[in-house]
Amino acid sequence: MSAPVVVFDGVSKKFRRGERHDSLRDLIPSLARRMFGRRASRELESPDDFWAVRDVSFEVARGEALGIIGPNGAGKSTTLKLLTRILRPTRGHCHIRGKVGALIEVAAGFHPDLTGRENVFLQGAIMGMRRPEITKKLDAIIDFAGVSDFIDTPVKRYSSGMNARLGFSIAANLEPDALIIDEVLSVGDMAFQQRCIDRMRDFKRAGTAIVFVSHNLQAVVSLCDRALHLKGSVQALGRPEEVLATYVTSQSSSQEGSVVHLDTVSLAQASGQPAESVPPGEPLTLTVRYTAARTVSDVMLGFLVYRSTDHLLVYDSNFEGRELGIGTLTAGNPLTVRFNFRPHLTRGQYHVLCHMVHNPTQEVLGMLEPAALFSIVEHRTYAGVADLEVDASVTTVKERGVELVSGRIGSET
């Protein structure tokens, strides 16, 4: 088995809030502490110290993509800066074998007064490429970035999207052994983002190791072999679908102070088994138990279904209390409601939001997200969200005009 291309081994990085050095009087003691205070760096020395990442470990092999997800401030960008040696770890070690293509900040490494063309040669040289090699790739870089009309314009005149396109194109066209990509792709348009994802798939097939940070969970699940849920430390590391479930659950809304508390929520198949992975259209039952903290009446209740990867709302169902025979909810007296439905959805991860609203004022009395999670398993669709139950058949015509059914999707013959 070949050695991993990307290694991140027990890495921690400590920062100090507001740290700055305005004079030699401040700088020299700081340098002395760093040189001679290594043992003390193991723990926080000041109330202003904090760990951006702590004891994080992962490896990425050739041809593998690792997606890193997490909330803002979780240490995702810090991790990439440690990998690319922009930052040095406080403890632990990390390294990348071979040539690295990186895009972790818009226009990072670009000289603002140099033109796009000149920055291509500058970045190529930083990556260890010789001028003839860069010249050979130049047309492909410009074409992929879509900046041919502005390639001889200083990059300080570029928009954030143009900077991101050129930066990714440079990183992606110089044949790296490892590709390190941050959320900066989000500044590009949808067509360019898809081209980037397609290009990263090509790199995977060619054996490039990829580390990809993104809030676009759909792209992470689609592209990556494994995912890392980061929140200062490792919260979960494994298959993207499993890690996504832990991430969505970690974002759960608090019910503290709610008028109506959702005590228990379960999602089950007709057999009574928990609905974790089901085919499209499988009958499901969502059971919710509500308990009111005070007496309420004239309520509306229901649930919403979201695709977890991009929080796309795919269904919104509401029932007025009187439709279900609910008059008044008495304080402390539980109420259980069962919703039966069929998720005619395409493959992917989904979660349920349950709520209860006071009808006259539209005040939210109680809400829980995610109340339940489930996956749709099917292998026919590539994109979209609605399962249209498509059927297909093929017919051929004999010489005498007699039609013969020669094939049908879903049939047993």
Protein backbone atom coordinates (compact mmCIF):
# COMPACT_ATOMS: atom_id res chain seq x y z
CA MET A 1 0.00 0.00 0.00
CA SER A 2 1.43 3.38 -1.05
CA ALA A 3 2.06 6.11 1.51
CA PRO A 4 -0.69 8.73 1.88
CA VAL A 5 -0.20 11.96 -0.04
CA VAL A 6 -1.67 14.20 2.69
CA VAL A 7 -0.85 13.61 6.36
CA PHE A 8 -2.31 15.62 9.26
CA ASP A 9 -1.12 13.99 12.47
CA GLY A 10 -2.28 15.18 15.90
CA VAL A 11 -2.19 18.82 14.82
CA SER A 12 -3.18 21.69 17.11
CA LYS A 13 -2.94 25.41 16.41
CA LYS A 14 -3.15 28.07 19.10
CA PHE A 15 -3.83 31.76 18.53
CA ARG A 16 -4.02 34.79 20.81
CA ARG A 17 -6.88 37.22 20.39
CA GLY A 18 -5.69 40.69 19.39
CA GLU A 19 -2.02 39.70 19.24
CA ARG A 20 0.07 42.35 17.51
CA HIS A 21 3.59 43.78 17.86
CA ASP A 22 3.88 47.56 17.50
CA SER A 23 7.48 47.87 18.68
CA LEU A 24 10.69 45.94 19.26
CA ARG A 25 9.91 46.13 22.98
CA ASP A 26 6.80 43.97 22.33
CA LEU A 27 8.28 41.80 19.60
CA ILE A 28 11.48 40.61 21.30
CA PRO A 29 9.79 39.15 24.43
CA SER A 30 7.22 37.47 22.19
CA LEU A 31 9.94 35.84 20.09
CA ALA A 32 11.77 34.76 23.24
CA ARG A 33 8.63 33.11 24.60
CA ARG A 34 8.20 31.24 21.32
CA MET A 35 11.82 30.11 21.23
CA PHE A 36 12.16 29.01 24.85
CA GLY A 37 8.59 28.34 25.92
CA ARG A 38 7.74 25.24 23.89
CA ARG A 39 6.60 23.22 26.88
CA ALA A 40 4.21 25.97 27.92
CA SER A 41 2.63 25.95 24.43
CA ARG A 42 0.96 22.67 25.27
CA GLU A 43 -1.80 24.53 27.11
CA LEU A 44 -3.38 27.96 27.02
CA GLU A 45 -1.18 30.51 28.77
CA SER A 46 -3.56 33.45 28.78
CA PRO A 47 -7.32 34.13 28.78
CA ASP A 48 -6.77 35.55 25.28
CA ASP A 49 -5.33 32.25 23.97
CA PHE A 50 -7.58 29.82 22.15
CA TRP A 51 -7.25 26.64 20.10
CA ALA A 52 -8.38 27.11 16.48
CA VAL A 53 -7.88 23.37 15.91
CA ARG A 54 -6.91 20.79 18.49
CA ASP A 55 -5.58 17.26 18.07
CA VAL A 56 -6.86 16.82 14.51
CA SER A 57 -5.69 13.84 12.47
CA PHE A 58 -6.51 12.55 8.99
CA GLU A 59 -4.82 11.17 5.88
CA VAL A 60 -5.70 11.36 2.19
CA ALA A 61 -4.47 8.76 -0.27
CA ARG A 62 -3.87 9.03 -4.01
CA GLY A 63 -7.12 9.34 -5.93
CA GLU A 64 -9.12 10.09 -2.77
CA ALA A 65 -11.12 13.22 -1.91
CA LEU A 66 -11.73 14.33 1.66
CA GLY A 67 -14.42 16.95 2.32
CA ILE A 68 -14.15 19.10 5.44
CA ILE A 69 -17.42 20.56 6.75
CA GLY A 70 -18.37 22.52 9.83
CA PRO A 71 -19.82 25.83 11.00
CA ASN A 72 -18.08 29.18 10.61
CA GLY A 73 -15.11 29.42 12.96
CA ALA A 74 -14.68 25.65 13.15
CA GLY A 75 -11.04 25.75 12.00
CA LYS A 76 -11.56 24.62 8.40
CA SER A 77 -9.52 27.37 6.71
CA THR A 78 -6.90 27.18 9.46
CA THR A 79 -6.48 23.48 8.66
CA LEU A 80 -5.84 24.25 5.00
CA LYS A 81 -3.37 27.01 5.88
CA LEU A 82 -1.50 24.56 8.08
CA LEU A 83 -1.44 22.02 5.25
CA THR A 84 -0.06 24.57 2.80
CA ARG A 85 2.50 25.88 5.35
CA ILE A 86 1.05 29.36 5.52
CA LEU A 87 0.80 28.61 9.25
CA ARG A 88 2.94 26.38 11.46
CA PRO A 89 1.27 24.01 13.92
CA THR A 90 1.62 24.59 17.65
CA ARG A 91 2.04 20.85 18.00
CA GLY A 92 1.73 17.79 15.80
CA HIS A 93 2.89 17.70 12.21
CA CYS A 94 1.44 17.79 8.72
CA HIS A 95 2.87 17.40 5.26
CA ILE A 96 1.98 16.82 1.62
CA ARG A 97 4.02 14.61 -0.67
CA GLY A 98 4.70 16.08 -4.10
CA LYS A 99 3.43 19.16 -5.91
CA VAL A 100 0.55 21.08 -4.32
CA GLY A 101 -2.15 23.05 -6.10
CA ALA A 102 -3.96 25.26 -3.59
CA LEU A 103 -6.75 27.82 -3.62
CA ILE A 104 -7.62 28.81 -0.08
CA GLU A 105 -8.34 32.54 -0.39
CA VAL A 106 -9.53 34.65 -3.30
CA ALA A 107 -6.41 36.04 -5.03
CA ALA A 108 -4.15 34.50 -2.38
CA GLY A 109 -0.60 34.71 -3.67
CA PHE A 110 -1.52 37.06 -6.52
CA HIS A 111 0.43 40.29 -6.84
CA PRO A 112 -2.27 42.93 -7.35
CA ASP A 113 -0.16 45.09 -9.69
CA LEU A 114 0.80 42.20 -11.96
CA THR A 115 -1.44 41.12 -14.81
CA GLY A 116 -3.29 37.84 -14.87
CA ARG A 117 -0.71 36.44 -17.28
CA GLU A 118 2.19 37.50 -15.08
CA ASN A 119 0.51 36.00 -12.02
CA VAL A 120 0.12 32.70 -13.83
CA PHE A 121 3.89 32.55 -14.29
CA LEU A 122 4.46 33.72 -10.71
CA GLN A 123 2.20 31.03 -9.25
CA GLY A 124 3.70 28.37 -11.51
CA ALA A 125 7.19 29.29 -10.35
CA ILE A 126 6.06 29.12 -6.69
CA MET A 127 4.81 25.59 -7.40
CA GLY A 128 8.21 24.66 -8.84
CA MET A 129 7.25 24.73 -12.51
CA ARG A 130 9.75 25.81 -15.16
CA ARG A 131 8.80 28.61 -17.54
CA PRO A 132 8.48 26.32 -20.63
CA GLU A 133 6.09 24.08 -18.68
CA ILE A 134 3.94 27.04 -17.68
CA THR A 135 3.95 28.40 -21.23
CA LYS A 136 2.70 25.04 -22.48
CA LYS A 137 -0.24 25.17 -20.06
CA LEU A 138 -0.99 28.89 -20.42
CA ASP A 139 -3.73 28.69 -23.05
CA ALA A 140 -5.55 25.95 -21.14
CA ILE A 141 -5.37 27.98 -17.91
CA ILE A 142 -6.75 31.12 -19.56
CA ASP A 143 -9.49 29.20 -21.38
CA PHE A 144 -10.69 27.36 -18.26
CA ALA A 145 -10.73 30.58 -16.22
CA GLY A 146 -12.65 32.44 -18.93
CA VAL A 147 -10.57 35.62 -18.53
CA SER A 148 -8.97 35.84 -21.98
CA ASP A 149 -10.20 39.42 -22.49
CA PHE A 150 -8.58 40.52 -19.23
CA ILE A 151 -5.50 38.31 -18.99
CA ASP A 152 -3.19 41.33 -19.52
CA THR A 153 -5.07 43.48 -16.99
CA PRO A 154 -3.70 43.84 -13.42
CA VAL A 155 -5.59 41.44 -11.15
CA LYS A 156 -6.46 44.28 -8.76
CA ARG A 157 -9.04 45.19 -11.42
CA TYR A 158 -10.57 41.70 -11.32
CA SER A 159 -13.82 40.86 -9.56
CA SER A 160 -13.75 38.24 -6.78
CA GLY A 161 -15.25 35.73 -9.22
CA MET A 162 -12.54 36.37 -11.84
CA ASN A 163 -9.84 36.01 -9.19
CA ALA A 164 -11.33 32.71 -8.01
CA ARG A 165 -11.64 31.38 -11.56
CA LEU A 166 -8.04 32.23 -12.39
CA GLY A 167 -6.74 30.92 -9.07
CA PHE A 168 -8.54 27.59 -9.46
CA SER A 169 -7.47 27.29 -13.08
CA ILE A 170 -3.81 27.75 -12.16
CA ALA A 171 -4.06 25.23 -9.31
CA ALA A 172 -5.94 22.73 -11.47
CA ASN A 173 -3.86 22.92 -14.65
CA LEU A 174 -0.37 22.47 -13.24
CA GLU A 175 -0.86 18.74 -12.57
CA PRO A 176 -0.58 18.73 -8.75
CA ASP A 177 -0.18 15.61 -6.64
CA ALA A 178 -2.51 17.20 -4.10
CA LEU A 179 -5.27 19.77 -4.64
CA ILE A 180 -6.30 21.92 -1.66
CA ILE A 181 -9.51 23.89 -2.28
CA ASP A 182 -11.39 26.21 0.09
CA GLU A 183 -14.91 27.65 -0.01
CA VAL A 184 -13.71 30.42 -2.34
CA LEU A 185 -15.32 28.54 -5.24
CA SER A 186 -18.64 29.85 -3.96
CA VAL A 187 -17.88 33.26 -5.48
CA GLY A 188 -18.03 31.78 -8.98
CA ASP A 189 -21.23 31.30 -10.94
CA MET A 190 -23.04 27.95 -10.93
CA ALA A 191 -21.69 26.90 -14.33
CA PHE A 192 -18.10 27.51 -13.23
CA GLN A 193 -18.64 25.70 -9.92
CA GLN A 194 -19.86 22.65 -11.83
CA ARG A 195 -16.83 22.81 -14.12
CA CYS A 196 -14.62 22.87 -11.03
CA ILE A 197 -16.35 19.83 -9.56
CA ASP A 198 -16.03 17.99 -12.89
CA ARG A 199 -12.34 18.88 -13.07
CA MET A 200 -11.78 17.60 -9.51
CA ARG A 201 -13.42 14.32 -10.51
CA ASP A 202 -10.93 14.09 -13.37
CA PHE A 203 -8.10 14.66 -10.91
CA LYS A 204 -9.38 11.89 -8.64
CA ARG A 205 -9.37 9.46 -11.55
CA ALA A 206 -5.81 10.54 -12.35
CA GLY A 207 -4.68 9.81 -8.77
CA THR A 208 -4.61 13.31 -7.26
CA ALA A 209 -5.38 13.60 -3.55
CA ILE A 210 -7.99 16.29 -2.84
CA VAL A 211 -8.87 18.17 0.35
CA PHE A 212 -12.05 20.17 -0.20
CA VAL A 213 -13.60 22.63 2.27
CA SER A 214 -17.13 23.74 1.47
CA HIS A 215 -20.50 24.74 2.87
CA ASN A 216 -21.98 23.19 -0.30
CA LEU A 217 -22.74 19.84 1.29
CA GLN A 218 -24.26 18.55 -1.95
CA ALA A 219 -20.89 18.98 -3.65
CA VAL A 220 -19.08 17.31 -0.73
CA VAL A 221 -21.34 14.24 -0.82
CA SER A 222 -21.14 14.08 -4.62
CA LEU A 223 -17.36 14.44 -4.90
CA CYS A 224 -15.78 13.11 -1.74
CA ASP A 225 -14.99 9.56 -0.62
CA ARG A 226 -14.83 10.61 3.03
CA ALA A 227 -15.85 13.65 5.04
CA LEU A 228 -14.56 15.28 8.22
CA HIS A 229 -16.90 17.20 10.52
CA LEU A 230 -14.69 19.75 12.20
CA LYS A 231 -15.54 22.02 15.11
CA GLY A 232 -12.17 22.83 16.61
CA SER A 233 -11.60 19.10 16.99
CA VAL A 234 -12.79 16.13 14.97
CA GLN A 235 -16.51 15.54 15.52
CA ALA A 236 -16.85 12.77 12.93
CA LEU A 237 -14.74 11.22 10.17
CA GLY A 238 -16.09 8.65 7.72
CA ARG A 239 -18.49 8.18 4.82
CA PRO A 240 -19.93 11.54 3.68
CA GLU A 241 -23.54 10.48 4.28
CA GLU A 242 -22.82 9.40 7.86
CA VAL A 243 -20.78 12.50 8.68
CA LEU A 244 -23.45 14.73 7.17
CA ALA A 245 -26.02 13.19 9.52
CA THR A 246 -23.88 14.07 12.55
CA TYR A 247 -23.39 17.60 11.23
CA VAL A 248 -27.09 18.22 10.61
CA THR A 249 -27.94 16.82 14.05
CA SER A 250 -25.34 19.10 15.66
CA GLN A 251 -27.18 22.10 14.21
CA SER A 252 -30.35 21.15 16.09
CA SER A 253 -32.52 24.08 17.18
CA SER A 254 -33.07 24.58 20.89
CA GLN A 255 -36.55 24.17 22.39
CA GLU A 256 -35.69 26.10 25.54
CA GLY A 257 -38.48 28.53 26.40
CA SER A 258 -40.93 27.07 23.88
CA VAL A 259 -44.64 27.17 24.69
CA VAL A 260 -45.01 23.68 23.19
CA HIS A 261 -42.24 21.14 23.57
CA LEU A 262 -41.75 18.34 21.02
CA ASP A 263 -40.98 15.51 23.42
CA THR A 264 -40.31 12.67 21.01
CA VAL A 265 -40.20 12.31 17.23
CA SER A 266 -39.81 9.05 15.34
CA LEU A 267 -39.83 8.15 11.66
CA ALA A 268 -40.67 4.55 10.80
CA GLN A 269 -41.43 2.28 7.87
CA ALA A 270 -44.70 0.35 7.60
CA SER A 271 -42.94 -2.63 9.23
CA GLY A 272 -42.21 -0.50 12.28
CA GLN A 273 -38.47 -0.42 11.58
CA PRO A 274 -36.76 2.99 11.82
CA ALA A 275 -36.67 4.77 8.47
CA GLU A 276 -32.97 5.27 7.89
CA SER A 277 -32.36 4.23 4.27
CA VAL A 278 -35.45 3.70 2.14
CA PRO A 279 -36.35 3.56 -1.57
CA PRO A 280 -38.42 6.34 -3.18
CA GLY A 281 -42.12 6.19 -2.36
CA GLU A 282 -41.71 3.94 0.68
CA PRO A 283 -44.67 4.48 3.09
CA LEU A 284 -43.40 6.27 6.20
CA THR A 285 -44.98 7.34 9.47
CA LEU A 286 -43.77 10.40 11.36
CA THR A 287 -44.91 10.26 15.01
CA VAL A 288 -44.64 13.43 17.09
CA ARG A 289 -45.54 13.92 20.76
CA TYR A 290 -46.26 17.49 21.87
CA THR A 291 -46.57 18.82 25.43
CA ALA A 292 -47.77 22.36 26.11
CA ALA A 293 -46.32 24.44 28.95
CA ARG A 294 -49.57 26.41 29.14
CA THR A 295 -53.04 25.99 27.69
CA VAL A 296 -53.21 26.93 23.98
CA SER A 297 -55.91 26.64 21.34
CA ASP A 298 -56.44 27.27 17.62
CA VAL A 299 -53.14 25.76 16.55
CA MET A 300 -51.64 24.70 13.24
CA LEU A 301 -49.09 21.91 13.11
CA GLY A 302 -47.13 20.03 10.51
CA PHE A 303 -43.71 19.29 9.15
CA LEU A 304 -41.27 20.31 6.44
CA VAL A 305 -38.79 18.13 4.59
CA TYR A 306 -35.42 19.53 3.51
CA ARG A 307 -32.62 18.07 1.45
CA SER A 308 -29.84 18.21 4.01
CA THR A 309 -26.99 18.80 1.58
CA ASP A 310 -28.24 22.23 0.47
CA HIS A 311 -31.22 22.88 2.79
CA LEU A 312 -33.55 22.84 -0.21
CA LEU A 313 -37.19 22.80 0.92
CA VAL A 314 -38.85 19.86 -0.82
CA TYR A 315 -42.15 19.70 1.08
CA ASP A 316 -44.19 21.82 3.48
CA SER A 317 -47.30 20.31 5.08
CA ASN A 318 -49.61 22.03 7.57
CA PHE A 319 -52.84 20.97 9.28
CA GLU A 320 -55.11 23.19 11.27
CA GLY A 321 -55.97 21.80 14.69
CA ARG A 322 -59.69 21.59 13.89
CA GLU A 323 -58.94 19.39 10.86
CA LEU A 324 -57.45 16.83 13.23
CA GLY A 325 -60.06 17.29 15.94
CA ILE A 326 -57.66 19.22 18.17
CA GLY A 327 -59.42 21.89 20.19
CA THR A 328 -57.36 23.00 23.19
CA LEU A 329 -54.00 21.74 24.37
CA THR A 330 -53.99 21.57 28.15
CA ALA A 331 -50.74 22.31 29.97
CA GLY A 332 -48.83 19.12 30.79
CA ASN A 333 -51.20 16.84 28.82
CA PRO A 334 -49.23 15.17 25.96
CA LEU A 335 -50.68 14.99 22.45
CA THR A 336 -49.44 12.48 19.86
CA VAL A 337 -49.91 13.01 16.11
CA ARG A 338 -49.01 10.56 13.34
CA PHE A 339 -48.32 11.81 9.82
CA ASN A 340 -48.30 9.21 7.03
CA PHE A 341 -46.54 10.06 3.78
CA ARG A 342 -44.58 8.66 0.83
CA PRO A 343 -41.27 10.42 0.02
CA HIS A 344 -41.24 10.47 -3.79
CA LEU A 345 -37.70 11.82 -3.78
CA THR A 346 -34.44 11.11 -5.56
CA ARG A 347 -31.30 9.79 -3.90
CA GLY A 348 -29.83 11.86 -1.09
CA GLN A 349 -29.94 12.85 2.55
CA TYR A 350 -33.10 14.50 3.93
CA HIS A 351 -34.26 15.76 7.30
CA VAL A 352 -37.56 16.78 8.85
CA LEU A 353 -38.51 19.97 10.68
CA CYS A 354 -41.59 19.72 12.93
CA HIS A 355 -43.47 22.72 14.27
CA MET A 356 -46.63 23.99 15.92
CA VAL A 357 -47.97 27.52 15.32
CA HIS A 358 -50.67 29.66 16.96
CA ASN A 359 -53.05 30.23 14.05
CA PRO A 360 -54.35 33.77 14.78
CA THR A 361 -50.93 35.34 15.46
CA GLN A 362 -48.63 32.93 13.53
CA GLU A 363 -46.46 32.72 16.65
CA VAL A 364 -44.25 29.65 16.57
CA LEU A 365 -45.17 27.72 19.72
CA GLY A 366 -42.66 24.94 19.25
CA MET A 367 -40.16 23.76 16.62
CA LEU A 368 -37.50 21.09 16.24
CA GLU A 369 -34.96 20.79 13.41
CA PRO A 370 -33.81 18.20 12.58
CA ALA A 371 -36.61 16.16 14.11
CA ALA A 372 -35.72 13.10 12.01
CA LEU A 373 -33.25 12.14 9.29
CA PHE A 374 -33.52 9.65 6.44
CA SER A 375 -31.77 8.70 3.19
CA ILE A 376 -33.35 7.85 -0.13
CA VAL A 377 -31.51 5.05 -1.91
CA GLU A 378 -31.91 4.69 -5.67
CA HIS A 379 -29.44 4.45 -8.54
CA ARG A 380 -31.18 5.82 -11.60
CA THR A 381 -31.18 9.60 -11.20
CA TYR A 382 -28.23 11.96 -11.26
CA ALA A 383 -29.83 15.29 -10.34
CA GLY A 384 -33.14 16.77 -9.26
CA VAL A 385 -35.24 16.11 -6.19
CA ALA A 386 -38.63 14.67 -7.26
CA ASP A 387 -39.01 10.99 -8.12
CA LEU A 388 -41.30 10.96 -11.18
CA GLU A 389 -41.56 7.14 -11.25
CA VAL A 390 -40.29 7.12 -14.83
CA ASP A 391 -40.87 3.98 -16.83
CA ALA A 392 -39.25 3.27 -20.19
CA SER A 393 -39.86 0.71 -22.92
CA VAL A 394 -38.36 -0.08 -26.29
CA THR A 395 -40.18 -1.40 -29.36
CA THR A 396 -38.93 -2.61 -32.70
CA VAL A 397 -40.94 -2.97 -35.92
CA LYS A 398 -40.79 -6.18 -37.90
CA GLU A 399 -40.78 -6.19 -41.69
CA ARG A 400 -44.54 -6.84 -41.86
CA GLY A 401 -45.34 -3.98 -39.48
CA VAL A 402 -45.77 -6.08 -36.34
CA GLU A 403 -44.51 -4.31 -33.22
CA LEU A 404 -42.37 -6.33 -30.84
CA VAL A 405 -41.57 -5.19 -27.28
CA SER A 406 -37.86 -5.88 -26.95
CA GLY A 407 -37.11 -4.33 -23.55
CA ARG A 408 -38.70 -2.59 -20.58
CA ILE A 409 -37.20 -1.00 -17.49
CA GLY A 410 -38.60 -2.49 -14.33
CA SER A 411 -40.12 -5.57 -15.92
CA GLU A 412 -39.11 -9.04 -14.84
CA THR A 413 -38.58 -10.27 -18.39
